[in-house]
Structures are given as structure tokens and as C-alpha cells.
Amino acid sequence: MSKGNVVEIIGAVVDVQFPRGDMPKVYDALKIEAVGLTLEVQQQLGDGVVRTIAMGSTDGL
């Protein structure tokens, strides 16, 4: 299981960076365990960054 870092949040859109060889695929689900939030990958932006949609509130992230 790879771990990524949140790099940008704009509303329900969350960009997450991973090591280049460990990027998740489009439609994969990501979990932010600290707040119990699930993200769905919508796009691979390059340089290890994926754009996701939050399946809940991003308030407080």
C-alpha cells in the first residue's frame, strides 16, 4: 500500500502526490484514515500527482 501527501484542496477536489512508480489508477479509492474520508481518483496529472474527488466533506483538511 502506497502513502501519498495531499498537495492541494479546492472544495471537493483534492490533489495527492505519490512516488512516481506507485501512483494509483483512475477510479481507485484512496482513504485518509485520520478523518475517515474516501477519495476517488479521477485523473493522473503527472509527476506522481493524482486529482481526486472527495466522497465527503474536506472541511478541516
N, C-alpha and C. Protein backbone atom coordinates (compact mmCIF):
# COMPACT_ATOMS: atom_id res chain seq x y z
N MET A 1 0.84 -1.17 0.00
CA MET A 1 0.00 0.00 0.00
C MET A 1 0.89 1.24 0.00
N SER A 2 0.61 2.15 -0.92
CA SER A 2 1.38 3.39 -1.02
C SER A 2 0.79 4.48 -0.13
N LYS A 3 1.64 5.39 0.27
CA LYS A 3 1.18 6.55 1.02
C LYS A 3 1.50 7.79 0.21
N GLY A 4 0.53 8.70 0.17
CA GLY A 4 0.71 9.94 -0.57
C GLY A 4 0.54 11.14 0.33
N ASN A 5 0.83 12.31 -0.21
CA ASN A 5 0.70 13.57 0.51
C ASN A 5 -0.30 14.46 -0.20
N VAL A 6 -1.23 15.02 0.54
CA VAL A 6 -2.17 15.98 -0.03
C VAL A 6 -1.39 17.25 -0.35
N VAL A 7 -1.50 17.71 -1.61
CA VAL A 7 -0.76 18.90 -2.02
C VAL A 7 -1.66 20.10 -2.28
N GLU A 8 -2.96 19.85 -2.57
CA GLU A 8 -3.87 20.97 -2.80
C GLU A 8 -5.31 20.52 -2.59
N ILE A 9 -6.10 21.41 -2.00
CA ILE A 9 -7.53 21.14 -1.80
C ILE A 9 -8.30 22.35 -2.28
N ILE A 10 -9.24 22.12 -3.21
CA ILE A 10 -10.14 23.17 -3.68
C ILE A 10 -11.54 22.58 -3.64
N GLY A 11 -12.26 22.88 -2.58
CA GLY A 11 -13.60 22.30 -2.41
C GLY A 11 -13.51 20.80 -2.25
N ALA A 12 -14.21 20.07 -3.13
CA ALA A 12 -14.21 18.61 -3.07
C ALA A 12 -13.07 17.99 -3.89
N VAL A 13 -12.28 18.83 -4.57
CA VAL A 13 -11.17 18.35 -5.40
C VAL A 13 -9.89 18.35 -4.57
N VAL A 14 -9.26 17.18 -4.49
CA VAL A 14 -8.05 17.02 -3.68
C VAL A 14 -6.95 16.43 -4.55
N ASP A 15 -5.82 17.12 -4.66
CA ASP A 15 -4.66 16.61 -5.38
C ASP A 15 -3.73 15.93 -4.39
N VAL A 16 -3.28 14.73 -4.75
CA VAL A 16 -2.44 13.93 -3.86
C VAL A 16 -1.20 13.48 -4.63
N GLN A 17 -0.03 13.63 -4.03
CA GLN A 17 1.22 13.23 -4.67
C GLN A 17 1.72 11.91 -4.08
N PHE A 18 2.15 11.02 -4.99
CA PHE A 18 2.70 9.71 -4.64
C PHE A 18 4.07 9.57 -5.28
N PRO A 19 4.86 8.61 -4.81
CA PRO A 19 6.09 8.28 -5.55
C PRO A 19 5.70 7.89 -6.98
N ARG A 20 6.48 8.29 -7.95
CA ARG A 20 6.11 8.11 -9.37
C ARG A 20 5.76 6.67 -9.73
N GLY A 21 6.42 5.70 -9.18
CA GLY A 21 6.15 4.31 -9.51
C GLY A 21 4.95 3.72 -8.80
N ASP A 22 4.37 4.46 -7.86
CA ASP A 22 3.28 3.94 -7.03
C ASP A 22 1.98 4.73 -7.17
N MET A 23 1.80 5.42 -8.30
CA MET A 23 0.58 6.20 -8.49
C MET A 23 -0.63 5.28 -8.61
N PRO A 24 -1.73 5.61 -7.94
CA PRO A 24 -2.95 4.80 -8.09
C PRO A 24 -3.57 5.03 -9.47
N LYS A 25 -4.40 4.08 -9.88
CA LYS A 25 -5.07 4.17 -11.18
C LYS A 25 -6.35 4.98 -11.07
N VAL A 26 -6.83 5.46 -12.22
CA VAL A 26 -8.10 6.18 -12.27
C VAL A 26 -9.20 5.27 -11.73
N TYR A 27 -10.09 5.83 -10.94
CA TYR A 27 -11.22 5.17 -10.26
C TYR A 27 -10.81 4.38 -9.02
N ASP A 28 -9.51 4.35 -8.67
CA ASP A 28 -9.11 3.74 -7.40
C ASP A 28 -9.62 4.60 -6.25
N ALA A 29 -9.90 3.97 -5.13
CA ALA A 29 -10.32 4.69 -3.93
C ALA A 29 -9.11 4.89 -3.02
N LEU A 30 -8.99 6.09 -2.47
CA LEU A 30 -7.95 6.41 -1.50
C LEU A 30 -8.62 6.72 -0.18
N LYS A 31 -7.95 6.45 0.90
CA LYS A 31 -8.53 6.68 2.23
C LYS A 31 -7.60 7.58 3.04
N ILE A 32 -8.18 8.64 3.60
CA ILE A 32 -7.47 9.47 4.56
C ILE A 32 -7.95 9.00 5.92
N GLU A 33 -7.18 8.12 6.53
CA GLU A 33 -7.63 7.42 7.74
C GLU A 33 -7.81 8.35 8.94
N ALA A 34 -7.02 9.42 9.02
CA ALA A 34 -7.11 10.32 10.18
C ALA A 34 -8.48 10.96 10.33
N VAL A 35 -9.18 11.16 9.20
CA VAL A 35 -10.50 11.80 9.24
C VAL A 35 -11.60 10.91 8.66
N GLY A 36 -11.23 9.70 8.23
CA GLY A 36 -12.22 8.77 7.69
C GLY A 36 -12.81 9.20 6.37
N LEU A 37 -12.02 9.89 5.54
CA LEU A 37 -12.50 10.41 4.25
C LEU A 37 -12.01 9.53 3.11
N THR A 38 -12.91 9.21 2.19
CA THR A 38 -12.56 8.44 0.99
C THR A 38 -12.49 9.38 -0.20
N LEU A 39 -11.47 9.18 -1.03
CA LEU A 39 -11.28 9.95 -2.26
C LEU A 39 -11.31 8.99 -3.44
N GLU A 40 -11.83 9.44 -4.58
CA GLU A 40 -11.81 8.62 -5.80
C GLU A 40 -10.93 9.31 -6.83
N VAL A 41 -9.95 8.58 -7.36
CA VAL A 41 -9.02 9.13 -8.36
C VAL A 41 -9.78 9.37 -9.67
N GLN A 42 -9.66 10.59 -10.20
CA GLN A 42 -10.32 10.96 -11.44
C GLN A 42 -9.34 11.18 -12.58
N GLN A 43 -8.09 11.56 -12.24
CA GLN A 43 -7.13 11.93 -13.27
C GLN A 43 -5.72 11.79 -12.75
N GLN A 44 -4.80 11.36 -13.63
CA GLN A 44 -3.38 11.36 -13.31
C GLN A 44 -2.78 12.60 -13.95
N LEU A 45 -2.24 13.50 -13.13
CA LEU A 45 -1.74 14.78 -13.62
C LEU A 45 -0.28 14.74 -14.03
N GLY A 46 0.44 13.69 -13.66
CA GLY A 46 1.87 13.60 -13.94
C GLY A 46 2.69 13.96 -12.72
N ASP A 47 3.98 13.66 -12.77
CA ASP A 47 4.90 13.89 -11.65
C ASP A 47 4.42 13.26 -10.36
N GLY A 48 3.68 12.15 -10.45
CA GLY A 48 3.22 11.44 -9.27
C GLY A 48 1.96 12.01 -8.64
N VAL A 49 1.35 13.02 -9.27
CA VAL A 49 0.17 13.67 -8.69
C VAL A 49 -1.10 13.15 -9.34
N VAL A 50 -2.09 12.83 -8.50
CA VAL A 50 -3.42 12.44 -8.99
C VAL A 50 -4.45 13.43 -8.47
N ARG A 51 -5.47 13.66 -9.28
CA ARG A 51 -6.60 14.52 -8.88
C ARG A 51 -7.74 13.62 -8.46
N THR A 52 -8.30 13.92 -7.30
CA THR A 52 -9.36 13.08 -6.74
C THR A 52 -10.58 13.92 -6.40
N ILE A 53 -11.69 13.23 -6.21
CA ILE A 53 -12.93 13.83 -5.73
C ILE A 53 -13.22 13.24 -4.35
N ALA A 54 -13.48 14.10 -3.38
CA ALA A 54 -13.79 13.65 -2.02
C ALA A 54 -15.22 13.15 -1.95
N MET A 55 -15.42 12.03 -1.26
CA MET A 55 -16.75 11.45 -1.08
C MET A 55 -17.39 11.93 0.23
N GLY A 56 -16.90 13.03 0.74
CA GLY A 56 -17.42 13.63 1.97
C GLY A 56 -16.82 15.02 2.11
N SER A 57 -17.01 15.63 3.24
CA SER A 57 -16.55 16.99 3.48
C SER A 57 -15.03 17.06 3.63
N THR A 58 -14.43 18.07 3.02
CA THR A 58 -12.99 18.30 3.17
C THR A 58 -12.70 19.37 4.22
N ASP A 59 -13.71 19.83 4.93
CA ASP A 59 -13.51 20.84 5.97
C ASP A 59 -12.51 20.32 7.01
N GLY A 60 -11.54 21.13 7.34
CA GLY A 60 -10.56 20.76 8.35
C GLY A 60 -9.32 20.09 7.82
N LEU A 61 -9.30 19.75 6.53
CA LEU A 61 -8.10 19.15 5.97
C LEU A 61 -7.07 20.23 5.70
